[in-house]
Amino acid sequence: MKLPQKAGRFCLAALLAFAAWVTLPGCASVEKHQDPVAVAAAHLDDFNSATPPAKQAWDLASAQINGNDFESALATLEQLRAQTGLSPEQIKAVDATMAAVRKQAKSARGN
């Protein structure tokens, strides 16, 4: 049995919409569940062209994360986030890293 052309297009569109609905939220949440060290490392290249103060703050925060000093890392990342002149990629990197650090710090406190 062959479907009319409009019904076939509708089914295809519905199937594609369902596939996007199922896969896209998973892609967006991958970074939320990662280790802060991995998140910071994934965004390292975003700060290669940063201003010297931003690059220095990113390097310090990365070192603090690697040393499991999450409270200091959060403070450094918050100061970095307040700097003007960050690129959209750098802002995304700082936000994603702060979220991962907060989650890890909360887990380390047993909350």
N, C-alpha and C. Protein backbone atom coordinates (compact mmCIF):
# COMPACT_ATOMS: atom_id res chain seq x y z
N MET A 1 0.84 -1.18 0.00
CA MET A 1 0.00 0.00 0.00
C MET A 1 0.90 1.25 0.00
N LYS A 2 0.65 2.12 -0.92
CA LYS A 2 1.44 3.33 -1.07
C LYS A 2 0.71 4.51 -0.44
N LEU A 3 1.45 5.31 0.36
CA LEU A 3 0.88 6.50 0.98
C LEU A 3 0.83 7.64 -0.02
N PRO A 4 -0.17 8.51 0.12
CA PRO A 4 -0.18 9.71 -0.72
C PRO A 4 1.09 10.53 -0.44
N GLN A 5 1.50 11.31 -1.41
CA GLN A 5 2.75 12.06 -1.32
C GLN A 5 2.79 12.98 -0.10
N LYS A 6 1.70 13.69 0.19
CA LYS A 6 1.68 14.60 1.34
C LYS A 6 1.82 13.83 2.64
N ALA A 7 1.19 12.69 2.74
CA ALA A 7 1.27 11.88 3.96
C ALA A 7 2.70 11.35 4.14
N GLY A 8 3.34 10.97 3.06
CA GLY A 8 4.72 10.49 3.12
C GLY A 8 5.66 11.58 3.59
N ARG A 9 5.48 12.78 3.09
CA ARG A 9 6.32 13.91 3.52
C ARG A 9 6.08 14.23 4.99
N PHE A 10 4.82 14.16 5.40
CA PHE A 10 4.51 14.43 6.80
C PHE A 10 5.17 13.39 7.70
N CYS A 11 5.11 12.13 7.32
CA CYS A 11 5.73 11.06 8.11
C CYS A 11 7.24 11.26 8.19
N LEU A 12 7.85 11.63 7.08
CA LEU A 12 9.28 11.87 7.07
C LEU A 12 9.64 13.05 7.97
N ALA A 13 8.87 14.12 7.88
CA ALA A 13 9.12 15.29 8.72
C ALA A 13 8.94 14.94 10.20
N ALA A 14 7.93 14.16 10.52
CA ALA A 14 7.69 13.76 11.90
C ALA A 14 8.83 12.87 12.41
N LEU A 15 9.32 12.00 11.56
CA LEU A 15 10.42 11.12 11.94
C LEU A 15 11.70 11.94 12.19
N LEU A 16 11.99 12.89 11.33
CA LEU A 16 13.16 13.73 11.51
C LEU A 16 13.05 14.59 12.78
N ALA A 17 11.86 15.13 13.03
CA ALA A 17 11.65 15.93 14.23
C ALA A 17 11.85 15.08 15.49
N PHE A 18 11.34 13.86 15.45
CA PHE A 18 11.51 12.96 16.59
C PHE A 18 12.99 12.64 16.81
N ALA A 19 13.70 12.36 15.73
CA ALA A 19 15.12 12.04 15.84
C ALA A 19 15.89 13.22 16.44
N ALA A 20 15.58 14.43 16.02
CA ALA A 20 16.25 15.62 16.56
C ALA A 20 15.89 15.81 18.03
N TRP A 21 14.64 15.56 18.38
CA TRP A 21 14.20 15.72 19.76
C TRP A 21 14.92 14.74 20.67
N VAL A 22 15.17 13.53 20.19
CA VAL A 22 15.82 12.50 20.99
C VAL A 22 17.32 12.76 21.11
N THR A 23 17.98 13.17 20.03
CA THR A 23 19.44 13.27 20.04
C THR A 23 19.98 14.60 20.51
N LEU A 24 19.36 15.71 20.19
CA LEU A 24 19.93 17.02 20.52
C LEU A 24 20.04 17.29 22.01
N PRO A 25 19.04 16.99 22.83
CA PRO A 25 19.23 17.23 24.26
C PRO A 25 20.40 16.43 24.83
N GLY A 26 20.64 15.26 24.32
CA GLY A 26 21.78 14.46 24.78
C GLY A 26 23.09 15.12 24.43
N CYS A 27 23.18 15.72 23.27
CA CYS A 27 24.41 16.40 22.87
C CYS A 27 24.66 17.61 23.76
N ALA A 28 23.62 18.33 24.07
CA ALA A 28 23.77 19.54 24.87
C ALA A 28 24.16 19.23 26.31
N SER A 29 23.75 18.07 26.81
CA SER A 29 24.01 17.78 28.21
C SER A 29 25.30 17.01 28.43
N VAL A 30 26.02 16.68 27.39
CA VAL A 30 27.26 15.91 27.55
C VAL A 30 28.23 16.65 28.44
N GLU A 31 28.43 17.95 28.20
CA GLU A 31 29.40 18.71 28.97
C GLU A 31 28.98 18.87 30.43
N LYS A 32 27.69 18.86 30.70
CA LYS A 32 27.21 19.04 32.06
C LYS A 32 27.62 17.88 32.97
N HIS A 33 27.88 16.73 32.39
CA HIS A 33 28.16 15.55 33.19
C HIS A 33 29.63 15.15 33.13
N GLN A 34 30.47 16.01 32.62
CA GLN A 34 31.88 15.67 32.50
C GLN A 34 32.67 16.15 33.70
N ASP A 35 33.79 15.52 33.85
CA ASP A 35 34.76 15.89 34.87
C ASP A 35 35.28 17.29 34.56
N PRO A 36 35.43 18.15 35.57
CA PRO A 36 35.90 19.52 35.31
C PRO A 36 37.26 19.56 34.62
N VAL A 37 38.13 18.61 34.91
CA VAL A 37 39.44 18.58 34.25
C VAL A 37 39.25 18.39 32.75
N ALA A 38 38.35 17.49 32.37
CA ALA A 38 38.09 17.23 30.95
C ALA A 38 37.45 18.43 30.27
N VAL A 39 36.54 19.09 30.96
CA VAL A 39 35.87 20.27 30.38
C VAL A 39 36.89 21.39 30.17
N ALA A 40 37.71 21.66 31.17
CA ALA A 40 38.72 22.71 31.04
C ALA A 40 39.70 22.38 29.92
N ALA A 41 40.11 21.13 29.85
CA ALA A 41 41.06 20.72 28.80
C ALA A 41 40.43 20.86 27.41
N ALA A 42 39.15 20.57 27.30
CA ALA A 42 38.47 20.66 26.01
C ALA A 42 38.40 22.10 25.50
N HIS A 43 38.46 23.06 26.42
CA HIS A 43 38.34 24.47 26.04
C HIS A 43 39.68 25.21 26.08
N LEU A 44 40.76 24.49 26.25
CA LEU A 44 42.08 25.11 26.36
C LEU A 44 42.40 26.00 25.16
N ASP A 45 42.10 25.52 23.96
CA ASP A 45 42.42 26.28 22.75
C ASP A 45 41.63 27.59 22.64
N ASP A 46 40.49 27.66 23.33
CA ASP A 46 39.69 28.88 23.27
C ASP A 46 40.42 30.08 23.87
N PHE A 47 41.45 29.82 24.68
CA PHE A 47 42.15 30.91 25.35
C PHE A 47 43.54 31.16 24.77
N ASN A 48 43.87 30.51 23.67
CA ASN A 48 45.16 30.77 23.02
C ASN A 48 45.28 32.20 22.53
N SER A 49 44.16 32.77 22.09
CA SER A 49 44.19 34.14 21.57
C SER A 49 43.59 35.14 22.57
N ALA A 50 43.46 34.74 23.81
CA ALA A 50 42.87 35.62 24.82
C ALA A 50 43.84 36.73 25.21
N THR A 51 43.30 37.74 25.86
CA THR A 51 44.15 38.79 26.40
C THR A 51 45.04 38.16 27.48
N PRO A 52 46.19 38.75 27.75
CA PRO A 52 47.06 38.17 28.78
C PRO A 52 46.38 37.95 30.14
N PRO A 53 45.58 38.92 30.64
CA PRO A 53 44.92 38.65 31.93
C PRO A 53 43.93 37.48 31.86
N ALA A 54 43.20 37.36 30.75
CA ALA A 54 42.25 36.26 30.60
C ALA A 54 42.98 34.93 30.49
N LYS A 55 44.05 34.90 29.72
CA LYS A 55 44.84 33.68 29.57
C LYS A 55 45.43 33.26 30.91
N GLN A 56 45.95 34.23 31.66
CA GLN A 56 46.54 33.94 32.97
C GLN A 56 45.48 33.40 33.92
N ALA A 57 44.29 33.99 33.92
CA ALA A 57 43.21 33.53 34.79
C ALA A 57 42.76 32.12 34.40
N TRP A 58 42.67 31.85 33.10
CA TRP A 58 42.27 30.52 32.64
C TRP A 58 43.30 29.48 33.06
N ASP A 59 44.57 29.81 32.90
CA ASP A 59 45.64 28.88 33.29
C ASP A 59 45.61 28.63 34.80
N LEU A 60 45.36 29.68 35.58
CA LEU A 60 45.29 29.52 37.02
C LEU A 60 44.10 28.64 37.41
N ALA A 61 42.95 28.91 36.82
CA ALA A 61 41.76 28.10 37.11
C ALA A 61 41.98 26.64 36.72
N SER A 62 42.62 26.41 35.59
CA SER A 62 42.91 25.04 35.16
C SER A 62 43.83 24.34 36.16
N ALA A 63 44.83 25.05 36.65
CA ALA A 63 45.74 24.46 37.64
C ALA A 63 44.99 24.16 38.94
N GLN A 64 44.10 25.06 39.34
CA GLN A 64 43.32 24.84 40.55
C GLN A 64 42.39 23.63 40.40
N ILE A 65 41.80 23.50 39.22
CA ILE A 65 40.93 22.34 38.96
C ILE A 65 41.75 21.06 39.00
N ASN A 66 42.91 21.08 38.35
CA ASN A 66 43.77 19.89 38.35
C ASN A 66 44.23 19.52 39.76
N GLY A 67 44.32 20.51 40.64
CA GLY A 67 44.71 20.26 42.02
C GLY A 67 43.53 20.01 42.95
N ASN A 68 42.35 19.85 42.38
CA ASN A 68 41.11 19.61 43.15
C ASN A 68 40.78 20.74 44.12
N ASP A 69 41.24 21.93 43.82
CA ASP A 69 40.92 23.11 44.63
C ASP A 69 39.73 23.82 43.95
N PHE A 70 38.55 23.21 44.11
CA PHE A 70 37.38 23.65 43.37
C PHE A 70 36.86 25.01 43.83
N GLU A 71 36.97 25.30 45.11
CA GLU A 71 36.49 26.60 45.59
C GLU A 71 37.32 27.74 45.00
N SER A 72 38.64 27.58 44.99
CA SER A 72 39.50 28.60 44.40
C SER A 72 39.28 28.70 42.89
N ALA A 73 39.07 27.54 42.25
CA ALA A 73 38.82 27.54 40.80
C ALA A 73 37.53 28.30 40.49
N LEU A 74 36.51 28.10 41.29
CA LEU A 74 35.25 28.83 41.06
C LEU A 74 35.47 30.33 41.21
N ALA A 75 36.21 30.73 42.23
CA ALA A 75 36.47 32.17 42.42
C ALA A 75 37.24 32.74 41.23
N THR A 76 38.23 32.01 40.76
CA THR A 76 39.02 32.47 39.61
C THR A 76 38.15 32.54 38.36
N LEU A 77 37.33 31.52 38.14
CA LEU A 77 36.46 31.50 36.96
C LEU A 77 35.43 32.63 37.02
N GLU A 78 34.92 32.93 38.20
CA GLU A 78 33.96 34.03 38.34
C GLU A 78 34.62 35.36 38.02
N GLN A 79 35.86 35.55 38.46
CA GLN A 79 36.59 36.77 38.12
C GLN A 79 36.86 36.84 36.63
N LEU A 80 37.20 35.72 36.04
CA LEU A 80 37.44 35.67 34.60
C LEU A 80 36.16 36.00 33.84
N ARG A 81 35.05 35.45 34.28
CA ARG A 81 33.76 35.67 33.60
C ARG A 81 33.36 37.14 33.64
N ALA A 82 33.80 37.85 34.68
CA ALA A 82 33.47 39.27 34.82
C ALA A 82 34.31 40.17 33.92
N GLN A 83 35.38 39.63 33.36
CA GLN A 83 36.23 40.44 32.48
C GLN A 83 35.49 40.79 31.20
N THR A 84 35.74 41.99 30.72
CA THR A 84 35.16 42.40 29.45
C THR A 84 36.09 41.95 28.32
N GLY A 85 35.54 41.79 27.17
CA GLY A 85 36.35 41.46 26.01
C GLY A 85 36.52 39.97 25.75
N LEU A 86 35.83 39.13 26.51
CA LEU A 86 35.90 37.70 26.22
C LEU A 86 35.09 37.41 24.96
N SER A 87 35.58 36.49 24.17
CA SER A 87 34.85 36.09 22.97
C SER A 87 33.67 35.20 23.38
N PRO A 88 32.69 35.02 22.49
CA PRO A 88 31.58 34.11 22.81
C PRO A 88 32.05 32.69 23.15
N GLU A 89 33.10 32.23 22.47
CA GLU A 89 33.63 30.89 22.76
C GLU A 89 34.25 30.85 24.15
N GLN A 90 34.93 31.92 24.53
CA GLN A 90 35.54 31.97 25.85
C GLN A 90 34.48 32.03 26.95
N ILE A 91 33.43 32.79 26.72
CA ILE A 91 32.33 32.85 27.67
C ILE A 91 31.70 31.47 27.84
N LYS A 92 31.48 30.79 26.73
CA LYS A 92 30.91 29.44 26.79
C LYS A 92 31.84 28.50 27.55
N ALA A 93 33.14 28.62 27.32
CA ALA A 93 34.12 27.77 28.01
C ALA A 93 34.09 28.01 29.51
N VAL A 94 34.05 29.28 29.90
CA VAL A 94 34.03 29.62 31.33
C VAL A 94 32.73 29.10 31.97
N ASP A 95 31.61 29.33 31.30
CA ASP A 95 30.32 28.89 31.86
C ASP A 95 30.26 27.37 32.00
N ALA A 96 30.71 26.65 30.98
CA ALA A 96 30.69 25.19 31.03
C ALA A 96 31.62 24.65 32.11
N THR A 97 32.77 25.28 32.24
CA THR A 97 33.74 24.84 33.25
C THR A 97 33.22 25.14 34.65
N MET A 98 32.62 26.32 34.82
CA MET A 98 32.06 26.64 36.14
C MET A 98 30.97 25.65 36.52
N ALA A 99 30.12 25.27 35.57
CA ALA A 99 29.06 24.31 35.87
C ALA A 99 29.65 22.96 36.29
N ALA A 100 30.67 22.51 35.59
CA ALA A 100 31.30 21.23 35.93
C ALA A 100 31.99 21.30 37.29
N VAL A 101 32.65 22.43 37.57
CA VAL A 101 33.34 22.59 38.85
C VAL A 101 32.32 22.65 39.99
N ARG A 102 31.23 23.38 39.79
CA ARG A 102 30.19 23.45 40.83
C ARG A 102 29.65 22.06 41.15
N LYS A 103 29.38 21.30 40.10
CA LYS A 103 28.84 19.95 40.30
C LYS A 103 29.85 19.08 41.06
N GLN A 104 31.12 19.17 40.68
CA GLN A 104 32.15 18.38 41.34
C GLN A 104 32.34 18.82 42.79
N ALA A 105 32.31 20.13 43.04
CA ALA A 105 32.47 20.65 44.40
C ALA A 105 31.29 20.18 45.27
N LYS A 106 30.11 20.22 44.70
CA LYS A 106 28.92 19.77 45.44
C LYS A 106 29.04 18.28 45.76
N SER A 107 29.49 17.51 44.81
CA SER A 107 29.68 16.08 45.02
C SER A 107 30.75 15.81 46.08
N ALA A 108 31.81 16.59 46.05
CA ALA A 108 32.91 16.41 47.02
C ALA A 108 32.45 16.75 48.44
N ARG A 109 31.51 17.70 48.55
CA ARG A 109 30.97 18.07 49.87
C ARG A 109 29.95 17.05 50.35
N GLY A 110 29.52 16.15 49.47
CA GLY A 110 28.55 15.14 49.84
C GLY A 110 27.12 15.58 49.74
N ASN A 111 26.84 16.64 48.99
CA ASN A 111 25.47 17.14 48.82
C ASN A 111 24.79 16.51 47.65
